[in-house]
Amino acid sequence: MKLYIYEHCPFCARVVYVANALKLNVEYQVVDYADAQTLIDLIGQKMVPVLEKTDGSVMAESMDIIAYFIEQAGIDAVAAPSEETLAFQREAFPLIQRIGYPRWTKLNLKEFATEASVTAWQAKKETEELNFVRLLESTEKIVADVNAQLLNAEALIQPNAGKSPLPLVDQAIYFSLLRGFFVEPTVTWPQELKLWLETNSNELGASILTV
């Protein structure tokens, strides 16, 4: 199986998290952000993640791919996240955009390896509301909101010595969202939450977006 991804993408990161946790044989292909044609040829539009199965068929949508992986692994696991997890995602996502959008291209991510890819990213993501310069100027205020969300996340994830009692899919979603905040060094991480993220990253080979 081959999974087409962007390294910054939270929807890709949760799929990678589950695939690695289940020890599935998946090849990861990072697509240049300026390369729309590869994805259009696969599914008719520019979106990730995209899974190319061993039989040559393809599927998109992160939660559908995760459900397929769980089925392939033959384990008894819930493929849908809890309402609490989805609620956190709704609250956290605007902050991820404000922290990540003006910063992720500065990281050594394969999808942003070319000048064209960085230009394409800014053209796609920058808006009047998400003006990259103003977002960077507002770092202190945004980080204060992020710090509050991290305390909320720690209460929800219940990390202890790098582990969490939550189901696999919920952990995958939290990991995929929270990893994006590492790009801003002034964020204050609760100790157990940071340990949980770093432990998962090391054990599962799932990257965090750190400078």
C-alpha atoms as a PDB file:
ATOM      1  CA  MET A   1       0.000   0.000   0.000  1.00  0.00           C
ATOM      2  CA  LYS A   2       1.141   3.545  -0.723  1.00  0.00           C
ATOM      3  CA  LEU A   3      -0.073   6.605   1.166  1.00  0.00           C
ATOM      4  CA  TYR A   4       0.271  10.019  -0.457  1.00  0.00           C
ATOM      5  CA  ILE A   5       0.695  12.727   2.174  1.00  0.00           C
ATOM      6  CA  TYR A   6       1.905  16.179   3.150  1.00  0.00           C
ATOM      7  CA  GLU A   7       4.097  16.082   6.250  1.00  0.00           C
ATOM      8  CA  HIS A   8       2.428  19.143   7.815  1.00  0.00           C
ATOM      9  CA  CYS A   9      -1.123  17.867   7.307  1.00  0.00           C
ATOM     10  CA  PRO A  10      -2.995  16.801  10.473  1.00  0.00           C
ATOM     11  CA  PHE A  11      -5.332  14.566   8.476  1.00  0.00           C
ATOM     12  CA  CYS A  12      -2.329  12.759   7.012  1.00  0.00           C
ATOM     13  CA  ALA A  13      -0.580  12.575  10.382  1.00  0.00           C
ATOM     14  CA  ARG A  14      -3.478  10.743  12.033  1.00  0.00           C
ATOM     15  CA  VAL A  15      -3.495   8.142   9.253  1.00  0.00           C
ATOM     16  CA  VAL A  16       0.274   7.647   9.562  1.00  0.00           C
ATOM     17  CA  TYR A  17      -0.112   7.348  13.340  1.00  0.00           C
ATOM     18  CA  VAL A  18      -2.670   4.546  13.004  1.00  0.00           C
ATOM     19  CA  ALA A  19      -0.758   2.740  10.252  1.00  0.00           C
ATOM     20  CA  ASN A  20       2.433   2.728  12.309  1.00  0.00           C
ATOM     21  CA  ALA A  21       0.637   1.778  15.531  1.00  0.00           C
ATOM     22  CA  LEU A  22      -0.896  -1.210  13.722  1.00  0.00           C
ATOM     23  CA  LYS A  23       2.482  -2.052  12.131  1.00  0.00           C
ATOM     24  CA  LEU A  24       1.027  -2.096   8.636  1.00  0.00           C
ATOM     25  CA  ASN A  25       3.245  -2.253   5.570  1.00  0.00           C
ATOM     26  CA  VAL A  26       2.644   1.195   4.097  1.00  0.00           C
ATOM     27  CA  GLU A  27       4.931   3.195   1.832  1.00  0.00           C
ATOM     28  CA  TYR A  28       4.730   6.951   2.382  1.00  0.00           C
ATOM     29  CA  GLN A  29       4.966   9.294  -0.590  1.00  0.00           C
ATOM     30  CA  VAL A  30       5.246  12.998   0.222  1.00  0.00           C
ATOM     31  CA  VAL A  31       3.803  15.100  -2.600  1.00  0.00           C
ATOM     32  CA  ASP A  32       5.285  18.489  -3.480  1.00  0.00           C
ATOM     33  CA  TYR A  33       2.711  21.126  -2.565  1.00  0.00           C
ATOM     34  CA  ALA A  34       2.931  22.645  -6.046  1.00  0.00           C
ATOM     35  CA  ASP A  35       2.335  19.252  -7.680  1.00  0.00           C
ATOM     36  CA  ALA A  36      -1.413  19.043  -8.158  1.00  0.00           C
ATOM     37  CA  GLN A  37      -1.241  16.648 -11.106  1.00  0.00           C
ATOM     38  CA  THR A  38      -0.129  13.587  -9.121  1.00  0.00           C
ATOM     39  CA  LEU A  39      -3.207  13.813  -6.915  1.00  0.00           C
ATOM     40  CA  ILE A  40      -5.540  14.745  -9.763  1.00  0.00           C
ATOM     41  CA  ASP A  41      -4.390  11.641 -11.629  1.00  0.00           C
ATOM     42  CA  LEU A  42      -5.201   9.535  -8.556  1.00  0.00           C
ATOM     43  CA  ILE A  43      -8.530  10.952  -7.368  1.00  0.00           C
ATOM     44  CA  GLY A  44      -9.457  13.820  -9.641  1.00  0.00           C
ATOM     45  CA  GLN A  45      -8.571  16.635  -7.247  1.00  0.00           C
ATOM     46  CA  LYS A  46      -5.747  18.020  -5.140  1.00  0.00           C
ATOM     47  CA  MET A  47      -6.285  16.568  -1.680  1.00  0.00           C
ATOM     48  CA  VAL A  48      -4.457  14.320   0.770  1.00  0.00           C
ATOM     49  CA  PRO A  49      -4.230  11.777   2.232  1.00  0.00           C
ATOM     50  CA  VAL A  50      -4.782   9.320  -0.606  1.00  0.00           C
ATOM     51  CA  LEU A  51      -4.283   5.592  -0.167  1.00  0.00           C
ATOM     52  CA  GLU A  52      -3.333   3.440  -3.132  1.00  0.00           C
ATOM     53  CA  LYS A  53      -4.211  -0.133  -2.184  1.00  0.00           C
ATOM     54  CA  THR A  54      -2.288  -3.217  -3.254  1.00  0.00           C
ATOM     55  CA  ASP A  55      -4.925  -3.933  -5.916  1.00  0.00           C
ATOM     56  CA  GLY A  56      -4.378  -0.497  -7.466  1.00  0.00           C
ATOM     57  CA  SER A  57      -7.644   1.039  -6.257  1.00  0.00           C
ATOM     58  CA  VAL A  58      -7.521   4.316  -4.348  1.00  0.00           C
ATOM     59  CA  MET A  59      -9.393   5.871  -1.466  1.00  0.00           C
ATOM     60  CA  ALA A  60      -9.365   9.282   0.209  1.00  0.00           C
ATOM     61  CA  GLU A  61     -10.747  10.799   3.432  1.00  0.00           C
ATOM     62  CA  SER A  62      -8.602  10.206   6.496  1.00  0.00           C
ATOM     63  CA  MET A  63     -11.248   8.515   8.634  1.00  0.00           C
ATOM     64  CA  ASP A  64     -12.198   6.119   5.832  1.00  0.00           C
ATOM     65  CA  ILE A  65      -8.549   5.155   5.417  1.00  0.00           C
ATOM     66  CA  ILE A  66      -8.190   4.668   9.173  1.00  0.00           C
ATOM     67  CA  ALA A  67     -11.269   2.422   9.229  1.00  0.00           C
ATOM     68  CA  TYR A  68      -9.774   0.415   6.355  1.00  0.00           C
ATOM     69  CA  PHE A  69      -6.470   0.051   8.222  1.00  0.00           C
ATOM     70  CA  ILE A  70      -8.253  -1.190  11.344  1.00  0.00           C
ATOM     71  CA  GLU A  71     -10.143  -3.705   9.218  1.00  0.00           C
ATOM     72  CA  GLN A  72      -6.919  -4.854   7.546  1.00  0.00           C
ATOM     73  CA  ALA A  73      -5.233  -5.299  10.928  1.00  0.00           C
ATOM     74  CA  GLY A  74      -8.113  -7.477  12.111  1.00  0.00           C
ATOM     75  CA  ILE A  75      -8.345  -5.822  15.499  1.00  0.00           C
ATOM     76  CA  ASP A  76     -11.368  -4.958  17.593  1.00  0.00           C
ATOM     77  CA  ALA A  77     -11.069  -1.178  17.688  1.00  0.00           C
ATOM     78  CA  VAL A  78     -13.540   1.657  17.364  1.00  0.00           C
ATOM     79  CA  ALA A  79     -12.956   3.487  14.083  1.00  0.00           C
ATOM     80  CA  ALA A  80     -14.853   6.645  15.064  1.00  0.00           C
ATOM     81  CA  PRO A  81     -13.586   9.273  17.523  1.00  0.00           C
ATOM     82  CA  SER A  82     -15.516  10.427  20.570  1.00  0.00           C
ATOM     83  CA  GLU A  83     -17.600  13.590  20.642  1.00  0.00           C
ATOM     84  CA  GLU A  84     -15.093  15.088  23.090  1.00  0.00           C
ATOM     85  CA  THR A  85     -12.294  14.533  20.590  1.00  0.00           C
ATOM     86  CA  LEU A  86     -14.270  16.091  17.749  1.00  0.00           C
ATOM     87  CA  ALA A  87     -15.186  19.062  19.941  1.00  0.00           C
ATOM     88  CA  PHE A  88     -11.522  19.629  20.771  1.00  0.00           C
ATOM     89  CA  GLN A  89     -10.663  19.469  17.079  1.00  0.00           C
ATOM     90  CA  ARG A  90     -13.217  22.173  16.283  1.00  0.00           C
ATOM     91  CA  GLU A  91     -11.790  24.430  18.986  1.00  0.00           C
ATOM     92  CA  ALA A  92      -8.129  23.776  18.235  1.00  0.00           C
ATOM     93  CA  PHE A  93      -8.131  23.906  14.451  1.00  0.00           C
ATOM     94  CA  PRO A  94      -8.352  27.709  14.091  1.00  0.00           C
ATOM     95  CA  LEU A  95      -5.348  28.008  16.412  1.00  0.00           C
ATOM     96  CA  ILE A  96      -3.418  25.426  14.403  1.00  0.00           C
ATOM     97  CA  GLN A  97      -4.028  27.520  11.301  1.00  0.00           C
ATOM     98  CA  ARG A  98      -2.850  30.686  13.043  1.00  0.00           C
ATOM     99  CA  ILE A  99       0.313  29.083  14.386  1.00  0.00           C
ATOM    100  CA  GLY A 100       1.118  26.734  11.528  1.00  0.00           C
ATOM    101  CA  TYR A 101       0.202  28.487   8.306  1.00  0.00           C
ATOM    102  CA  PRO A 102       2.845  31.249   8.449  1.00  0.00           C
ATOM    103  CA  ARG A 103       5.522  28.955   9.927  1.00  0.00           C
ATOM    104  CA  TRP A 104       5.384  25.422   8.497  1.00  0.00           C
ATOM    105  CA  THR A 105       7.078  26.385   5.233  1.00  0.00           C
ATOM    106  CA  LYS A 106      10.154  27.323   7.278  1.00  0.00           C
ATOM    107  CA  LEU A 107      10.559  23.720   8.426  1.00  0.00           C
ATOM    108  CA  ASN A 108      12.450  21.064   6.499  1.00  0.00           C
ATOM    109  CA  LEU A 109       9.293  19.452   5.110  1.00  0.00           C
ATOM    110  CA  LYS A 110       9.455  17.641   1.787  1.00  0.00           C
ATOM    111  CA  GLU A 111       6.271  19.191   0.381  1.00  0.00           C
ATOM    112  CA  PHE A 112       7.878  22.645   0.728  1.00  0.00           C
ATOM    113  CA  ALA A 113      11.257  21.776  -0.796  1.00  0.00           C
ATOM    114  CA  THR A 114      10.785  24.024  -3.838  1.00  0.00           C
ATOM    115  CA  GLU A 115      10.181  27.737  -4.184  1.00  0.00           C
ATOM    116  CA  ALA A 116       7.091  26.948  -6.245  1.00  0.00           C
ATOM    117  CA  SER A 117       5.637  24.885  -3.403  1.00  0.00           C
ATOM    118  CA  VAL A 118       6.074  27.692  -0.861  1.00  0.00           C
ATOM    119  CA  THR A 119       4.487  30.167  -3.275  1.00  0.00           C
ATOM    120  CA  ALA A 120       1.580  27.793  -3.898  1.00  0.00           C
ATOM    121  CA  TRP A 121       1.058  27.349  -0.154  1.00  0.00           C
ATOM    122  CA  GLN A 122       0.861  31.064   0.557  1.00  0.00           C
ATOM    123  CA  ALA A 123      -1.434  31.647  -2.427  1.00  0.00           C
ATOM    124  CA  LYS A 124      -3.775  28.917  -1.174  1.00  0.00           C
ATOM    125  CA  LYS A 125      -3.769  29.553   2.570  1.00  0.00           C
ATOM    126  CA  GLU A 126      -3.262  33.277   3.119  1.00  0.00           C
ATOM    127  CA  THR A 127      -6.472  35.283   3.431  1.00  0.00           C
ATOM    128  CA  GLU A 128      -7.501  38.634   4.866  1.00  0.00           C
ATOM    129  CA  GLU A 129      -8.239  36.902   8.171  1.00  0.00           C
ATOM    130  CA  LEU A 130      -5.167  34.667   8.016  1.00  0.00           C
ATOM    131  CA  ASN A 131      -2.651  37.275   6.891  1.00  0.00           C
ATOM    132  CA  PHE A 132       0.738  35.723   7.557  1.00  0.00           C
ATOM    133  CA  VAL A 133       2.489  38.939   8.623  1.00  0.00           C
ATOM    134  CA  ARG A 134      -0.292  39.918  11.027  1.00  0.00           C
ATOM    135  CA  LEU A 135      -0.440  36.391  12.442  1.00  0.00           C
ATOM    136  CA  LEU A 136       3.260  36.530  13.271  1.00  0.00           C
ATOM    137  CA  GLU A 137       2.798  39.974  14.827  1.00  0.00           C
ATOM    138  CA  SER A 138      -0.010  38.522  16.994  1.00  0.00           C
ATOM    139  CA  THR A 139       2.066  35.588  18.236  1.00  0.00           C
ATOM    140  CA  GLU A 140       1.841  36.468  21.939  1.00  0.00           C
ATOM    141  CA  LYS A 141      -1.960  36.593  21.967  1.00  0.00           C
ATOM    142  CA  ILE A 142      -2.341  33.456  19.838  1.00  0.00           C
ATOM    143  CA  VAL A 143       0.102  31.527  22.024  1.00  0.00           C
ATOM    144  CA  ALA A 144      -1.892  32.470  25.134  1.00  0.00           C
ATOM    145  CA  ASP A 145      -4.950  30.857  23.531  1.00  0.00           C
ATOM    146  CA  VAL A 146      -2.891  27.825  22.526  1.00  0.00           C
ATOM    147  CA  ASN A 147      -1.579  27.399  26.063  1.00  0.00           C
ATOM    148  CA  ALA A 148      -5.143  27.306  27.381  1.00  0.00           C
ATOM    149  CA  GLN A 149      -6.082  24.658  24.817  1.00  0.00           C
ATOM    150  CA  LEU A 150      -3.082  22.539  25.782  1.00  0.00           C
ATOM    151  CA  LEU A 151      -4.274  22.415  29.387  1.00  0.00           C
ATOM    152  CA  ASN A 152      -7.642  21.297  28.060  1.00  0.00           C
ATOM    153  CA  ALA A 153      -5.968  18.675  25.883  1.00  0.00           C
ATOM    154  CA  GLU A 154      -4.007  17.262  28.808  1.00  0.00           C
ATOM    155  CA  ALA A 155      -7.216  16.828  30.810  1.00  0.00           C
ATOM    156  CA  LEU A 156      -8.861  15.038  27.880  1.00  0.00           C
ATOM    157  CA  ILE A 157      -5.940  12.790  26.911  1.00  0.00           C
ATOM    158  CA  GLN A 158      -5.038  11.892  30.520  1.00  0.00           C
ATOM    159  CA  PRO A 159      -1.379  11.242  29.728  1.00  0.00           C
ATOM    160  CA  ASN A 160       0.690   9.358  32.279  1.00  0.00           C
ATOM    161  CA  ALA A 161       4.336   8.433  31.724  1.00  0.00           C
ATOM    162  CA  GLY A 162       3.911   8.755  27.962  1.00  0.00           C
ATOM    163  CA  LYS A 163       0.728   6.680  27.739  1.00  0.00           C
ATOM    164  CA  SER A 164      -2.985   7.476  27.426  1.00  0.00           C
ATOM    165  CA  PRO A 165      -6.056   5.327  28.175  1.00  0.00           C
ATOM    166  CA  LEU A 166      -7.920   6.689  25.140  1.00  0.00           C
ATOM    167  CA  PRO A 167      -8.769   4.514  22.113  1.00  0.00           C
ATOM    168  CA  LEU A 168      -6.300   4.455  19.224  1.00  0.00           C
ATOM    169  CA  VAL A 169      -8.319   6.694  16.907  1.00  0.00           C
ATOM    170  CA  ASP A 170      -8.790   9.401  19.539  1.00  0.00           C
ATOM    171  CA  GLN A 171      -5.092   9.392  20.363  1.00  0.00           C
ATOM    172  CA  ALA A 172      -4.274   9.630  16.658  1.00  0.00           C
ATOM    173  CA  ILE A 173      -6.453  12.705  16.240  1.00  0.00           C
ATOM    174  CA  TYR A 174      -5.078  14.493  19.301  1.00  0.00           C
ATOM    175  CA  PHE A 175      -1.522  13.731  18.199  1.00  0.00           C
ATOM    176  CA  SER A 176      -2.185  14.957  14.666  1.00  0.00           C
ATOM    177  CA  LEU A 177      -3.530  18.276  15.929  1.00  0.00           C
ATOM    178  CA  LEU A 178      -1.124  19.025  18.759  1.00  0.00           C
ATOM    179  CA  ARG A 179       2.067  18.255  16.803  1.00  0.00           C
ATOM    180  CA  GLY A 180       1.500  21.390  14.734  1.00  0.00           C
ATOM    181  CA  PHE A 181       2.021  23.696  17.720  1.00  0.00           C
ATOM    182  CA  PHE A 182       5.653  22.635  18.221  1.00  0.00           C
ATOM    183  CA  VAL A 183       6.699  24.985  15.423  1.00  0.00           C
ATOM    184  CA  GLU A 184       6.294  27.965  17.790  1.00  0.00           C
ATOM    185  CA  PRO A 185       8.955  27.786  20.549  1.00  0.00           C
ATOM    186  CA  THR A 186       7.163  30.124  22.977  1.00  0.00           C
ATOM    187  CA  VAL A 187       4.265  27.706  23.480  1.00  0.00           C
ATOM    188  CA  THR A 188       4.164  26.379  27.061  1.00  0.00           C
ATOM    189  CA  TRP A 189       3.693  22.614  27.134  1.00  0.00           C
ATOM    190  CA  PRO A 190       2.242  20.792  30.151  1.00  0.00           C
ATOM    191  CA  GLN A 191       4.915  18.273  31.133  1.00  0.00           C
ATOM    192  CA  GLU A 192       2.877  15.068  30.825  1.00  0.00           C
ATOM    193  CA  LEU A 193       1.299  16.168  27.550  1.00  0.00           C
ATOM    194  CA  LYS A 194       4.668  16.926  25.991  1.00  0.00           C
ATOM    195  CA  LEU A 195       6.037  13.584  27.191  1.00  0.00           C
ATOM    196  CA  TRP A 196       3.060  11.780  25.651  1.00  0.00           C
ATOM    197  CA  LEU A 197       3.612  13.495  22.301  1.00  0.00           C
ATOM    198  CA  GLU A 198       7.347  12.854  22.275  1.00  0.00           C
ATOM    199  CA  THR A 199       6.906   9.226  23.362  1.00  0.00           C
ATOM    200  CA  ASN A 200       4.376   8.593  20.609  1.00  0.00           C
ATOM    201  CA  SER A 201       6.584  10.292  18.054  1.00  0.00           C
ATOM    202  CA  ASN A 202       9.587   8.171  19.009  1.00  0.00           C
ATOM    203  CA  GLU A 203       7.749   4.864  19.332  1.00  0.00           C
ATOM    204  CA  LEU A 204       5.577   5.203  16.224  1.00  0.00           C
ATOM    205  CA  GLY A 205       7.865   7.159  13.934  1.00  0.00           C
ATOM    206  CA  ALA A 206       5.201   9.867  13.672  1.00  0.00           C
ATOM    207  CA  SER A 207       6.821  13.268  13.372  1.00  0.00           C
ATOM    208  CA  ILE A 208       6.125  16.383  15.391  1.00  0.00           C
ATOM    209  CA  LEU A 209       6.531  19.726  13.648  1.00  0.00           C
ATOM    210  CA  THR A 210       9.423  21.134  15.590  1.00  0.00           C
ATOM    211  CA  VAL A 211      11.991  23.710  14.526  1.00  0.00           C
END
